[in-house]
Amino acid sequence: MKLQLCVTTLGKAAATAAVMAAALTLGGCADSAKMTYLPSGDTGFAINCSGGDASTSWGECYKKAGEMCGSYGYDVFGANVKNRSMVIRCKQ
């Protein structure tokens, strides 16, 4: 039983790492979003707002997330502060 719990926990951690890696591959693209799959199997969006200059802010990421999900809103699934990127899931 302990082994099964450990494997399940490691599987979730690996899936979360894969989602964040997908977000990081968007590096260099200002205000871009790509569809991705979350560990739960739901679809989400990897949004990158790193840009080439310091004027690109977290506000741009939140604005892009709002554009992607519209009036449904969204939940932030994960964020990378260093690369100014995040993974979101639209609420349904």
PDB file of N, CA and C in Angstrom:
ATOM      1  N   MET A   1       0.815  -1.186   0.000  1.00  0.00           N
ATOM      2  CA  MET A   1       0.000   0.000   0.000  1.00  0.00           C
ATOM      3  C   MET A   1       0.865   1.258   0.000  1.00  0.00           C
ATOM      4  N   LYS A   2       1.947   1.281   0.810  1.00  0.00           N
ATOM      5  CA  LYS A   2       2.826   2.443   0.856  1.00  0.00           C
ATOM      6  C   LYS A   2       3.510   2.655  -0.489  1.00  0.00           C
ATOM      7  N   LEU A   3       3.886   1.570  -1.155  1.00  0.00           N
ATOM      8  CA  LEU A   3       4.539   1.679  -2.451  1.00  0.00           C
ATOM      9  C   LEU A   3       3.591   2.281  -3.476  1.00  0.00           C
ATOM     10  N   GLN A   4       2.342   1.869  -3.469  1.00  0.00           N
ATOM     11  CA  GLN A   4       1.362   2.400  -4.414  1.00  0.00           C
ATOM     12  C   GLN A   4       1.162   3.897  -4.185  1.00  0.00           C
ATOM     13  N   LEU A   5       1.083   4.335  -2.957  1.00  0.00           N
ATOM     14  CA  LEU A   5       0.926   5.746  -2.625  1.00  0.00           C
ATOM     15  C   LEU A   5       2.122   6.541  -3.118  1.00  0.00           C
ATOM     16  N   CYS A   6       3.316   5.999  -2.924  1.00  0.00           N
ATOM     17  CA  CYS A   6       4.537   6.668  -3.357  1.00  0.00           C
ATOM     18  C   CYS A   6       4.568   6.808  -4.873  1.00  0.00           C
ATOM     19  N   VAL A   7       4.224   5.772  -5.600  1.00  0.00           N
ATOM     20  CA  VAL A   7       4.213   5.805  -7.062  1.00  0.00           C
ATOM     21  C   VAL A   7       3.178   6.809  -7.557  1.00  0.00           C
ATOM     22  N   THR A   8       2.001   6.850  -6.928  1.00  0.00           N
ATOM     23  CA  THR A   8       0.968   7.798  -7.320  1.00  0.00           C
ATOM     24  C   THR A   8       1.450   9.225  -7.095  1.00  0.00           C
ATOM     25  N   THR A   9       2.086   9.483  -5.968  1.00  0.00           N
ATOM     26  CA  THR A   9       2.610  10.811  -5.663  1.00  0.00           C
ATOM     27  C   THR A   9       3.688  11.195  -6.653  1.00  0.00           C
ATOM     28  N   LEU A  10       4.589  10.272  -6.962  1.00  0.00           N
ATOM     29  CA  LEU A  10       5.641  10.554  -7.934  1.00  0.00           C
ATOM     30  C   LEU A  10       5.051  10.799  -9.320  1.00  0.00           C
ATOM     31  N   GLY A  11       4.013  10.071  -9.671  1.00  0.00           N
ATOM     32  CA  GLY A  11       3.366  10.270 -10.970  1.00  0.00           C
ATOM     33  C   GLY A  11       2.764  11.654 -11.088  1.00  0.00           C
ATOM     34  N   LYS A  12       2.126  12.121 -10.026  1.00  0.00           N
ATOM     35  CA  LYS A  12       1.540  13.470 -10.035  1.00  0.00           C
ATOM     36  C   LYS A  12       2.628  14.526 -10.114  1.00  0.00           C
ATOM     37  N   ALA A  13       3.717  14.323  -9.395  1.00  0.00           N
ATOM     38  CA  ALA A  13       4.824  15.282  -9.423  1.00  0.00           C
ATOM     39  C   ALA A  13       5.445  15.333 -10.820  1.00  0.00           C
ATOM     40  N   ALA A  14       5.606  14.170 -11.446  1.00  0.00           N
ATOM     41  CA  ALA A  14       6.167  14.133 -12.797  1.00  0.00           C
ATOM     42  C   ALA A  14       5.236  14.816 -13.795  1.00  0.00           C
ATOM     43  N   ALA A  15       3.942  14.606 -13.640  1.00  0.00           N
ATOM     44  CA  ALA A  15       2.980  15.235 -14.544  1.00  0.00           C
ATOM     45  C   ALA A  15       2.988  16.751 -14.366  1.00  0.00           C
ATOM     46  N   THR A  16       3.073  17.208 -13.130  1.00  0.00           N
ATOM     47  CA  THR A  16       3.139  18.649 -12.876  1.00  0.00           C
ATOM     48  C   THR A  16       4.416  19.225 -13.478  1.00  0.00           C
ATOM     49  N   ALA A  17       5.520  18.512 -13.326  1.00  0.00           N
ATOM     50  CA  ALA A  17       6.783  18.967 -13.908  1.00  0.00           C
ATOM     51  C   ALA A  17       6.687  19.041 -15.428  1.00  0.00           C
ATOM     52  N   ALA A  18       5.993  18.082 -16.039  1.00  0.00           N
ATOM     53  CA  ALA A  18       5.828  18.095 -17.489  1.00  0.00           C
ATOM     54  C   ALA A  18       5.013  19.295 -17.950  1.00  0.00           C
ATOM     55  N   VAL A  19       3.986  19.637 -17.198  1.00  0.00           N
ATOM     56  CA  VAL A  19       3.169  20.811 -17.546  1.00  0.00           C
ATOM     57  C   VAL A  19       4.011  22.072 -17.435  1.00  0.00           C
ATOM     58  N   MET A  20       4.794  22.189 -16.377  1.00  0.00           N
ATOM     59  CA  MET A  20       5.633  23.371 -16.225  1.00  0.00           C
ATOM     60  C   MET A  20       6.717  23.411 -17.301  1.00  0.00           C
ATOM     61  N   ALA A  21       7.244  22.272 -17.708  1.00  0.00           N
ATOM     62  CA  ALA A  21       8.227  22.235 -18.783  1.00  0.00           C
ATOM     63  C   ALA A  21       7.607  22.734 -20.082  1.00  0.00           C
ATOM     64  N   ALA A  22       6.353  22.377 -20.311  1.00  0.00           N
ATOM     65  CA  ALA A  22       5.655  22.872 -21.498  1.00  0.00           C
ATOM     66  C   ALA A  22       5.553  24.387 -21.451  1.00  0.00           C
ATOM     67  N   ALA A  23       5.306  24.933 -20.286  1.00  0.00           N
ATOM     68  CA  ALA A  23       5.227  26.390 -20.144  1.00  0.00           C
ATOM     69  C   ALA A  23       6.579  27.032 -20.414  1.00  0.00           C
ATOM     70  N   LEU A  24       7.646  26.376 -19.992  1.00  0.00           N
ATOM     71  CA  LEU A  24       8.978  26.934 -20.186  1.00  0.00           C
ATOM     72  C   LEU A  24       9.419  26.906 -21.641  1.00  0.00           C
ATOM     73  N   THR A  25       8.902  25.987 -22.438  1.00  0.00           N
ATOM     74  CA  THR A  25       9.295  25.909 -23.836  1.00  0.00           C
ATOM     75  C   THR A  25       8.780  27.093 -24.631  1.00  0.00           C
ATOM     76  N   LEU A  26       7.922  27.871 -24.031  1.00  0.00           N
ATOM     77  CA  LEU A  26       7.405  29.054 -24.704  1.00  0.00           C
ATOM     78  C   LEU A  26       8.340  30.243 -24.555  1.00  0.00           C
ATOM     79  N   GLY A  27       9.514  30.037 -23.971  1.00  0.00           N
ATOM     80  CA  GLY A  27      10.438  31.127 -23.696  1.00  0.00           C
ATOM     81  C   GLY A  27      10.730  31.969 -24.924  1.00  0.00           C
ATOM     82  N   GLY A  28      10.842  33.276 -24.709  1.00  0.00           N
ATOM     83  CA  GLY A  28      11.145  34.189 -25.788  1.00  0.00           C
ATOM     84  C   GLY A  28       9.928  34.679 -26.531  1.00  0.00           C
ATOM     85  N   CYS A  29       8.775  34.144 -26.277  1.00  0.00           N
ATOM     86  CA  CYS A  29       7.559  34.563 -26.965  1.00  0.00           C
ATOM     87  C   CYS A  29       6.761  35.460 -26.039  1.00  0.00           C
ATOM     88  N   ALA A  30       6.688  36.711 -26.382  1.00  0.00           N
ATOM     89  CA  ALA A  30       5.945  37.637 -25.535  1.00  0.00           C
ATOM     90  C   ALA A  30       4.460  37.374 -25.656  1.00  0.00           C
ATOM     91  N   ASP A  31       3.816  37.229 -24.521  1.00  0.00           N
ATOM     92  CA  ASP A  31       2.363  37.125 -24.469  1.00  0.00           C
ATOM     93  C   ASP A  31       1.823  36.035 -25.394  1.00  0.00           C
ATOM     94  N   SER A  32       2.331  34.813 -25.237  1.00  0.00           N
ATOM     95  CA  SER A  32       1.856  33.702 -26.060  1.00  0.00           C
ATOM     96  C   SER A  32       1.164  32.655 -25.196  1.00  0.00           C
ATOM     97  N   ALA A  33       0.285  31.891 -25.810  1.00  0.00           N
ATOM     98  CA  ALA A  33      -0.432  30.832 -25.093  1.00  0.00           C
ATOM     99  C   ALA A  33      -0.563  29.617 -25.989  1.00  0.00           C
ATOM    100  N   LYS A  34      -0.343  28.441 -25.411  1.00  0.00           N
ATOM    101  CA  LYS A  34      -0.503  27.181 -26.139  1.00  0.00           C
ATOM    102  C   LYS A  34      -1.323  26.232 -25.283  1.00  0.00           C
ATOM    103  N   MET A  35      -2.198  25.487 -25.935  1.00  0.00           N
ATOM    104  CA  MET A  35      -2.995  24.507 -25.217  1.00  0.00           C
ATOM    105  C   MET A  35      -2.085  23.378 -24.734  1.00  0.00           C
ATOM    106  N   THR A  36      -2.374  22.876 -23.536  1.00  0.00           N
ATOM    107  CA  THR A  36      -1.609  21.777 -22.965  1.00  0.00           C
ATOM    108  C   THR A  36      -2.567  20.901 -22.163  1.00  0.00           C
ATOM    109  N   TYR A  37      -2.079  19.770 -21.697  1.00  0.00           N
ATOM    110  CA  TYR A  37      -2.902  18.879 -20.870  1.00  0.00           C
ATOM    111  C   TYR A  37      -2.380  18.885 -19.450  1.00  0.00           C
ATOM    112  N   LEU A  38      -3.292  18.978 -18.508  1.00  0.00           N
ATOM    113  CA  LEU A  38      -2.959  18.955 -17.093  1.00  0.00           C
ATOM    114  C   LEU A  38      -2.871  17.515 -16.618  1.00  0.00           C
ATOM    115  N   PRO A  39      -2.243  17.256 -15.473  1.00  0.00           N
ATOM    116  CA  PRO A  39      -2.130  15.888 -14.961  1.00  0.00           C
ATOM    117  C   PRO A  39      -3.482  15.186 -14.813  1.00  0.00           C
ATOM    118  N   SER A  40      -4.540  15.951 -14.599  1.00  0.00           N
ATOM    119  CA  SER A  40      -5.877  15.366 -14.454  1.00  0.00           C
ATOM    120  C   SER A  40      -6.451  14.900 -15.783  1.00  0.00           C
ATOM    121  N   GLY A  41      -5.806  15.301 -16.896  1.00  0.00           N
ATOM    122  CA  GLY A  41      -6.318  14.981 -18.222  1.00  0.00           C
ATOM    123  C   GLY A  41      -7.110  16.135 -18.823  1.00  0.00           C
ATOM    124  N   ASP A  42      -7.443  17.132 -18.007  1.00  0.00           N
ATOM    125  CA  ASP A  42      -8.141  18.317 -18.503  1.00  0.00           C
ATOM    126  C   ASP A  42      -7.197  19.129 -19.386  1.00  0.00           C
ATOM    127  N   THR A  43      -7.786  19.955 -20.232  1.00  0.00           N
ATOM    128  CA  THR A  43      -6.961  20.848 -21.032  1.00  0.00           C
ATOM    129  C   THR A  43      -6.731  22.146 -20.267  1.00  0.00           C
ATOM    130  N   GLY A  44      -5.621  22.756 -20.545  1.00  0.00           N
ATOM    131  CA  GLY A  44      -5.266  24.030 -19.948  1.00  0.00           C
ATOM    132  C   GLY A  44      -4.461  24.820 -20.949  1.00  0.00           C
ATOM    133  N   PHE A  45      -3.925  25.932 -20.528  1.00  0.00           N
ATOM    134  CA  PHE A  45      -3.108  26.769 -21.401  1.00  0.00           C
ATOM    135  C   PHE A  45      -1.821  27.137 -20.697  1.00  0.00           C
ATOM    136  N   ALA A  46      -0.712  27.002 -21.419  1.00  0.00           N
ATOM    137  CA  ALA A  46       0.589  27.453 -20.942  1.00  0.00           C
ATOM    138  C   ALA A  46       0.789  28.847 -21.521  1.00  0.00           C
ATOM    139  N   ILE A  47       0.887  29.832 -20.655  1.00  0.00           N
ATOM    140  CA  ILE A  47       0.996  31.225 -21.078  1.00  0.00           C
ATOM    141  C   ILE A  47       2.364  31.747 -20.696  1.00  0.00           C
ATOM    142  N   ASN A  48       3.049  32.376 -21.656  1.00  0.00           N
ATOM    143  CA  ASN A  48       4.369  32.938 -21.417  1.00  0.00           C
ATOM    144  C   ASN A  48       4.327  34.433 -21.674  1.00  0.00           C
ATOM    145  N   CYS A  49       4.786  35.196 -20.716  1.00  0.00           N
ATOM    146  CA  CYS A  49       4.823  36.655 -20.849  1.00  0.00           C
ATOM    147  C   CYS A  49       6.214  37.196 -20.574  1.00  0.00           C
ATOM    148  N   SER A  50       7.239  36.411 -20.845  1.00  0.00           N
ATOM    149  CA  SER A  50       8.598  36.858 -20.534  1.00  0.00           C
ATOM    150  C   SER A  50       9.023  37.996 -21.445  1.00  0.00           C
ATOM    151  N   GLY A  51       8.745  37.897 -22.720  1.00  0.00           N
ATOM    152  CA  GLY A  51       9.064  38.978 -23.659  1.00  0.00           C
ATOM    153  C   GLY A  51      10.539  39.291 -23.721  1.00  0.00           C
ATOM    154  N   GLY A  52      10.854  40.221 -24.548  1.00  0.00           N
ATOM    155  CA  GLY A  52      12.241  40.600 -24.737  1.00  0.00           C
ATOM    156  C   GLY A  52      12.637  41.798 -23.904  1.00  0.00           C
ATOM    157  N   ASP A  53      11.683  42.430 -23.243  1.00  0.00           N
ATOM    158  CA  ASP A  53      12.030  43.606 -22.454  1.00  0.00           C
ATOM    159  C   ASP A  53      11.361  43.567 -21.082  1.00  0.00           C
ATOM    160  N   ALA A  54      11.773  44.458 -20.236  1.00  0.00           N
ATOM    161  CA  ALA A  54      11.264  44.472 -18.865  1.00  0.00           C
ATOM    162  C   ALA A  54       9.854  45.041 -18.762  1.00  0.00           C
ATOM    163  N   SER A  55       9.333  45.587 -19.853  1.00  0.00           N
ATOM    164  CA  SER A  55       8.012  46.205 -19.775  1.00  0.00           C
ATOM    165  C   SER A  55       6.881  45.179 -19.760  1.00  0.00           C
ATOM    166  N   THR A  56       7.175  43.945 -20.160  1.00  0.00           N
ATOM    167  CA  THR A  56       6.159  42.900 -20.120  1.00  0.00           C
ATOM    168  C   THR A  56       5.980  42.474 -18.669  1.00  0.00           C
ATOM    169  N   SER A  57       4.747  42.555 -18.173  1.00  0.00           N
ATOM    170  CA  SER A  57       4.518  42.310 -16.753  1.00  0.00           C
ATOM    171  C   SER A  57       3.593  41.123 -16.538  1.00  0.00           C
ATOM    172  N   TRP A  58       3.429  40.755 -15.258  1.00  0.00           N
ATOM    173  CA  TRP A  58       2.473  39.706 -14.904  1.00  0.00           C
ATOM    174  C   TRP A  58       1.071  40.117 -15.330  1.00  0.00           C
ATOM    175  N   GLY A  59       0.807  41.416 -15.347  1.00  0.00           N
ATOM    176  CA  GLY A  59      -0.502  41.898 -15.780  1.00  0.00           C
ATOM    177  C   GLY A  59      -0.838  41.431 -17.183  1.00  0.00           C
ATOM    178  N   GLU A  60       0.170  41.365 -18.041  1.00  0.00           N
ATOM    179  CA  GLU A  60      -0.044  40.870 -19.410  1.00  0.00           C
ATOM    180  C   GLU A  60      -0.433  39.396 -19.409  1.00  0.00           C
ATOM    181  N   CYS A  61       0.171  38.624 -18.498  1.00  0.00           N
ATOM    182  CA  CYS A  61      -0.185  37.204 -18.390  1.00  0.00           C
ATOM    183  C   CYS A  61      -1.637  37.047 -17.954  1.00  0.00           C
ATOM    184  N   TYR A  62      -2.035  37.815 -16.946  1.00  0.00           N
ATOM    185  CA  TYR A  62      -3.413  37.734 -16.460  1.00  0.00           C
ATOM    186  C   TYR A  62      -4.406  38.202 -17.530  1.00  0.00           C
ATOM    187  N   LYS A  63      -4.009  39.200 -18.287  1.00  0.00           N
ATOM    188  CA  LYS A  63      -4.863  39.687 -19.378  1.00  0.00           C
ATOM    189  C   LYS A  63      -5.040  38.593 -20.434  1.00  0.00           C
ATOM    190  N   LYS A  64      -3.951  37.926 -20.800  1.00  0.00           N
ATOM    191  CA  LYS A  64      -4.006  36.849 -21.791  1.00  0.00           C
ATOM    192  C   LYS A  64      -4.852  35.687 -21.267  1.00  0.00           C
ATOM    193  N   ALA A  65      -4.716  35.359 -19.990  1.00  0.00           N
ATOM    194  CA  ALA A  65      -5.521  34.286 -19.391  1.00  0.00           C
ATOM    195  C   ALA A  65      -7.004  34.642 -19.478  1.00  0.00           C
ATOM    196  N   GLY A  66      -7.333  35.895 -19.205  1.00  0.00           N
ATOM    197  CA  GLY A  66      -8.717  36.341 -19.313  1.00  0.00           C
ATOM    198  C   GLY A  66      -9.242  36.243 -20.734  1.00  0.00           C
ATOM    199  N   GLU A  67      -8.395  36.557 -21.703  1.00  0.00           N
ATOM    200  CA  GLU A  67      -8.785  36.441 -23.110  1.00  0.00           C
ATOM    201  C   GLU A  67      -9.026  34.982 -23.499  1.00  0.00           C
ATOM    202  N   MET A  68      -8.204  34.083 -22.966  1.00  0.00           N
ATOM    203  CA  MET A  68      -8.311  32.666 -23.321  1.00  0.00           C
ATOM    204  C   MET A  68      -9.592  32.047 -22.747  1.00  0.00           C
ATOM    205  N   CYS A  69      -9.984  32.462 -21.556  1.00  0.00           N
ATOM    206  CA  CYS A  69     -11.102  31.808 -20.867  1.00  0.00           C
ATOM    207  C   CYS A  69     -12.394  32.621 -20.880  1.00  0.00           C
ATOM    208  N   GLY A  70     -12.309  33.872 -21.215  1.00  0.00           N
ATOM    209  CA  GLY A  70     -13.511  34.698 -21.293  1.00  0.00           C
ATOM    210  C   GLY A  70     -14.231  34.827 -19.961  1.00  0.00           C
ATOM    211  N   SER A  71     -15.551  34.856 -20.019  1.00  0.00           N
ATOM    212  CA  SER A  71     -16.362  35.097 -18.824  1.00  0.00           C
ATOM    213  C   SER A  71     -16.374  33.916 -17.853  1.00  0.00           C
ATOM    214  N   TYR A  72     -15.866  32.757 -18.270  1.00  0.00           N
ATOM    215  CA  TYR A  72     -15.806  31.605 -17.372  1.00  0.00           C
ATOM    216  C   TYR A  72     -14.816  31.828 -16.238  1.00  0.00           C
ATOM    217  N   GLY A  73     -13.768  32.579 -16.509  1.00  0.00           N
ATOM    218  CA  GLY A  73     -12.704  32.762 -15.531  1.00  0.00           C
ATOM    219  C   GLY A  73     -11.716  31.607 -15.601  1.00  0.00           C
ATOM    220  N   TYR A  74     -10.736  31.611 -14.726  1.00  0.00           N
ATOM    221  CA  TYR A  74      -9.691  30.588 -14.775  1.00  0.00           C
ATOM    222  C   TYR A  74      -9.075  30.384 -13.401  1.00  0.00           C
ATOM    223  N   ASP A  75      -8.400  29.248 -13.265  1.00  0.00           N
ATOM    224  CA  ASP A  75      -7.597  28.941 -12.081  1.00  0.00           C
ATOM    225  C   ASP A  75      -6.152  28.829 -12.534  1.00  0.00           C
ATOM    226  N   VAL A  76      -5.229  29.397 -11.767  1.00  0.00           N
ATOM    227  CA  VAL A  76      -3.804  29.249 -12.073  1.00  0.00           C
ATOM    228  C   VAL A  76      -3.358  27.908 -11.522  1.00  0.00           C
ATOM    229  N   PHE A  77      -2.847  27.062 -12.400  1.00  0.00           N
ATOM    230  CA  PHE A  77      -2.428  25.713 -12.015  1.00  0.00           C
ATOM    231  C   PHE A  77      -0.974  25.710 -11.551  1.00  0.00           C
ATOM    232  N   GLY A  78      -0.174  26.560 -12.126  1.00  0.00           N
ATOM    233  CA  GLY A  78       1.228  26.651 -11.748  1.00  0.00           C
ATOM    234  C   GLY A  78       1.844  27.885 -12.379  1.00  0.00           C
ATOM    235  N   ALA A  79       2.918  28.401 -11.786  1.00  0.00           N
ATOM    236  CA  ALA A  79       3.577  29.585 -12.322  1.00  0.00           C
ATOM    237  C   ALA A  79       5.085  29.471 -12.135  1.00  0.00           C
ATOM    238  N   ASN A  80       5.813  30.082 -13.045  1.00  0.00           N
ATOM    239  CA  ASN A  80       7.261  30.150 -12.959  1.00  0.00           C
ATOM    240  C   ASN A  80       7.634  31.624 -12.926  1.00  0.00           C
ATOM    241  N   VAL A  81       8.022  32.106 -11.757  1.00  0.00           N
ATOM    242  CA  VAL A  81       8.296  33.525 -11.569  1.00  0.00           C
ATOM    243  C   VAL A  81       9.501  33.965 -12.398  1.00  0.00           C
ATOM    244  N   LYS A  82      10.538  33.152 -12.440  1.00  0.00           N
ATOM    245  CA  LYS A  82      11.764  33.524 -13.147  1.00  0.00           C
ATOM    246  C   LYS A  82      11.495  33.762 -14.631  1.00  0.00           C
ATOM    247  N   ASN A  83      10.701  32.908 -15.245  1.00  0.00           N
ATOM    248  CA  ASN A  83      10.431  33.014 -16.682  1.00  0.00           C
ATOM    249  C   ASN A  83       9.109  33.707 -17.001  1.00  0.00           C
ATOM    250  N   ARG A  84       8.432  34.199 -15.975  1.00  0.00           N
ATOM    251  CA  ARG A  84       7.143  34.878 -16.113  1.00  0.00           C
ATOM    252  C   ARG A  84       6.203  34.072 -17.013  1.00  0.00           C
ATOM    253  N   SER A  85       5.925  32.845 -16.594  1.00  0.00           N
ATOM    254  CA  SER A  85       4.994  31.987 -17.328  1.00  0.00           C
ATOM    255  C   SER A  85       4.073  31.287 -16.333  1.00  0.00           C
ATOM    256  N   MET A  86       2.910  30.891 -16.819  1.00  0.00           N
ATOM    257  CA  MET A  86       1.974  30.186 -15.944  1.00  0.00           C
ATOM    258  C   MET A  86       1.117  29.236 -16.747  1.00  0.00           C
ATOM    259  N   VAL A  87       0.564  28.267 -16.041  1.00  0.00           N
ATOM    260  CA  VAL A  87      -0.353  27.300 -16.635  1.00  0.00           C
ATOM    261  C   VAL A  87      -1.705  27.518 -15.980  1.00  0.00           C
ATOM    262  N   ILE A  88      -2.738  27.659 -16.810  1.00  0.00           N
ATOM    263  CA  ILE A  88      -4.088  27.915 -16.286  1.00  0.00           C
ATOM    264  C   ILE A  88      -5.060  26.868 -16.774  1.00  0.00           C
ATOM    265  N   ARG A  89      -6.176  26.773 -16.073  1.00  0.00           N
ATOM    266  CA  ARG A  89      -7.290  25.926 -16.491  1.00  0.00           C
ATOM    267  C   ARG A  89      -8.529  26.816 -16.455  1.00  0.00           C
ATOM    268  N   CYS A  90      -9.254  26.843 -17.564  1.00  0.00           N
ATOM    269  CA  CYS A  90     -10.477  27.634 -17.625  1.00  0.00           C
ATOM    270  C   CYS A  90     -11.549  26.970 -16.781  1.00  0.00           C
ATOM    271  N   LYS A  91     -12.301  27.787 -16.045  1.00  0.00           N
ATOM    272  CA  LYS A  91     -13.442  27.262 -15.276  1.00  0.00           C
ATOM    273  C   LYS A  91     -14.574  26.965 -16.248  1.00  0.00           C
ATOM    274  N   GLN A  92     -15.409  26.009 -15.870  1.00  0.00           N
ATOM    275  CA  GLN A  92     -16.502  25.640 -16.774  1.00  0.00           C
ATOM    276  C   GLN A  92     -17.837  25.889 -16.151  1.00  0.00           C
TER     277      GLN A  92
END
